[in-house]
Protein backbone atom coordinates (compact mmCIF):
# COMPACT_ATOMS: atom_id res chain seq x y z
CA UNK A 1 103.88 -187.15 -32.51
CA UNK A 2 100.31 -185.99 -32.56
CA UNK A 3 100.08 -185.39 -36.33
CA UNK A 4 99.52 -181.64 -36.10
CA UNK A 5 99.90 -179.52 -39.22
CA UNK A 6 102.99 -177.77 -37.83
CA UNK A 7 105.07 -180.94 -37.97
CA UNK A 8 107.31 -181.26 -41.02
CA UNK A 9 106.69 -184.07 -43.45
CA UNK A 10 109.92 -185.79 -44.43
CA UNK A 11 108.38 -188.27 -46.84
CA UNK A 12 109.94 -187.98 -50.27
CA UNK A 13 108.63 -190.15 -53.09
CA UNK A 14 111.07 -192.48 -54.79
CA UNK A 15 110.51 -190.61 -58.07
CA UNK A 16 111.42 -187.29 -56.43
CA UNK A 17 114.42 -188.85 -54.67
CA UNK A 18 115.72 -190.21 -58.00
CA UNK A 19 115.22 -186.82 -59.67
CA UNK A 20 117.07 -185.11 -56.81
CA UNK A 21 120.04 -187.46 -57.14
CA UNK A 22 120.15 -186.91 -60.90
CA UNK A 23 120.15 -183.13 -60.44
CA UNK A 24 123.01 -183.38 -57.94
CA UNK A 25 125.10 -185.40 -60.39
CA UNK A 26 124.37 -183.14 -63.36
CA UNK A 27 124.71 -179.67 -61.85
CA UNK A 28 125.62 -176.71 -64.04
CA UNK A 29 128.90 -174.84 -63.76
CA UNK A 30 127.10 -171.94 -62.07
CA UNK A 31 125.55 -174.32 -59.51
CA UNK A 32 128.97 -175.87 -58.81
CA UNK A 33 130.42 -172.40 -58.19
CA UNK A 34 127.71 -171.55 -55.65
CA UNK A 35 127.88 -174.99 -54.01
CA UNK A 36 131.65 -174.65 -53.54
CA UNK A 37 131.07 -171.32 -51.80
CA UNK A 38 128.20 -172.34 -49.49
CA UNK A 39 128.90 -175.99 -48.65
CA UNK A 40 130.31 -177.06 -45.31
CA UNK A 41 129.21 -173.88 -43.51
CA UNK A 42 131.65 -171.78 -45.58
CA UNK A 43 129.31 -168.81 -45.94
CA UNK A 44 128.82 -167.10 -42.57
CA UNK A 45 128.53 -170.49 -40.90
CA UNK A 46 125.15 -171.17 -42.51
CA UNK A 47 124.23 -174.75 -43.38
CA UNK A 48 123.06 -175.15 -46.98
CA UNK A 49 121.76 -178.25 -48.73
CA UNK A 50 121.65 -178.65 -52.51
CA UNK A 51 118.95 -180.05 -54.75
CA UNK A 52 116.56 -180.47 -51.85
CA UNK A 53 112.87 -181.35 -52.10
CA UNK A 54 110.44 -178.88 -50.53
CA UNK A 55 106.90 -180.02 -51.12
CA UNK A 56 106.45 -180.83 -54.82
CA UNK A 57 109.54 -178.83 -55.83
CA UNK A 58 113.28 -179.45 -55.79
CA UNK A 59 115.18 -176.27 -54.95
CA UNK A 60 118.78 -175.66 -55.99
CA UNK A 61 120.01 -174.64 -52.52
CA UNK A 62 118.30 -174.14 -49.19
CA UNK A 63 119.33 -172.92 -45.76
CA UNK A 64 116.57 -174.17 -43.47
CA UNK A 65 117.74 -172.13 -40.46
CA UNK A 66 117.50 -168.87 -42.41
CA UNK A 67 114.55 -170.03 -44.55
CA UNK A 68 116.42 -168.97 -47.70
CA UNK A 69 116.22 -170.70 -51.06
CA UNK A 70 118.76 -169.93 -53.80
CA UNK A 71 117.75 -170.64 -57.39
CA UNK A 72 120.26 -170.49 -60.24
CA UNK A 73 118.36 -170.01 -63.49
CA UNK A 74 119.38 -170.71 -67.06
CA UNK A 75 117.98 -168.89 -70.08
CA UNK A 76 114.89 -171.12 -70.32
CA UNK A 77 113.56 -169.57 -67.10
CA UNK A 78 112.99 -166.27 -68.90
CA UNK A 79 110.43 -167.66 -71.36
CA UNK A 80 106.81 -166.64 -70.61
CA UNK A 81 105.64 -170.14 -69.67
CA UNK A 82 108.57 -170.71 -67.31
CA UNK A 83 108.23 -167.26 -65.72
CA UNK A 84 104.67 -168.19 -64.73
CA UNK A 85 105.83 -171.58 -63.42
CA UNK A 86 108.60 -169.92 -61.37
CA UNK A 87 106.09 -167.41 -59.96
CA UNK A 88 103.85 -170.28 -58.77
CA UNK A 89 106.87 -172.02 -57.27
CA UNK A 90 108.03 -168.85 -55.49
CA UNK A 91 104.51 -168.28 -54.14
CA UNK A 92 104.42 -171.84 -52.77
CA UNK A 93 107.84 -171.47 -51.13
CA UNK A 94 106.88 -168.07 -49.67
CA UNK A 95 103.74 -169.66 -48.20
CA UNK A 96 106.10 -172.05 -46.38
CA UNK A 97 108.11 -169.12 -45.02
CA UNK A 98 111.02 -169.26 -47.47
CA UNK A 99 112.63 -166.24 -49.11
CA UNK A 100 113.70 -167.05 -52.68
CA UNK A 101 116.85 -165.49 -54.14
CA UNK A 102 117.08 -165.93 -57.93
CA UNK A 103 120.23 -165.43 -59.95
CA UNK A 104 120.89 -166.25 -63.58
CA UNK A 105 123.84 -168.34 -64.72
CA UNK A 106 125.49 -165.31 -66.33
CA UNK A 107 125.45 -163.34 -63.04
CA UNK A 108 127.05 -166.23 -61.18
CA UNK A 109 129.73 -166.69 -63.85
CA UNK A 110 130.60 -162.99 -64.22
CA UNK A 111 129.83 -161.58 -60.75
CA UNK A 112 130.32 -164.42 -58.29
CA UNK A 113 131.40 -162.05 -55.52
CA UNK A 114 128.28 -159.89 -55.89
CA UNK A 115 125.98 -162.94 -55.87
CA UNK A 116 127.63 -164.32 -52.74
CA UNK A 117 127.46 -160.90 -51.02
CA UNK A 118 123.71 -160.83 -51.71
CA UNK A 119 123.29 -164.33 -50.25
CA UNK A 120 125.45 -163.44 -47.24
CA UNK A 121 123.41 -160.31 -46.57
CA UNK A 122 120.18 -162.33 -46.72
CA UNK A 123 121.53 -164.93 -44.30
CA UNK A 124 122.80 -162.28 -41.89
CA UNK A 125 119.48 -160.39 -42.14
CA UNK A 126 117.62 -163.40 -40.78
CA UNK A 127 116.91 -163.11 -37.07
CA UNK A 128 118.45 -165.92 -35.08
CA UNK A 129 116.02 -168.05 -33.10
CA UNK A 130 115.66 -167.24 -29.43
CA UNK A 131 117.27 -169.91 -27.32
CA UNK A 132 115.27 -171.21 -24.39
CA UNK A 133 116.44 -170.26 -20.93
CA UNK A 134 118.67 -172.79 -19.27
CA UNK A 135 116.77 -174.82 -16.74
CA UNK A 136 118.25 -175.60 -13.40
CA UNK A 137 118.18 -174.72 -9.77
CA UNK A 138 117.67 -171.14 -8.81
CA UNK A 139 120.62 -169.43 -7.19
CA UNK A 140 120.42 -169.54 -3.39
CA UNK A 141 122.86 -166.71 -2.89
CA UNK A 142 121.21 -163.81 -1.31
C-alpha cells in the first residue's frame, strides 16, 4: 500500500475497542429490536454491523456498502448540549460520505415497522457500485 489518503485506516485504539465491546453487551431494548431486524443480511440483503468505530465515534449501526449509519437516541440526546454534539458527529460522518438516520427509542418501540421501512428505503435508494467488466479473451466469432 502506498499510504494514500483514500485508503481506510483500520486501527482502533484499545480504549475504543473496549468501549465498543461494552456498548455491544449493554445495548438498549430499542437497539436490540433494530439489530434483530438488520443482522445477518435480513433487511434487503444489506450487511450491517453494530457498535462500530468510525473515526473518533462509535455508531450504533452501519452499512458500509450503502454508507448508511443508524443512530437510536434516548432522551438525553434532545438536551441542548447533546444536540450540538450530535450535529458535530453527523457533520463528521457526512464528511466521510455517510448518511445518518436518527430515530428515538420511543419511535422504535412504538413504530418498529415504520422505522424499518425508512431504513429499507434508504438502503434501496443507494446506487449499487458498478462492477468491473469481466476480463478475458475477446470473442473470435465473426
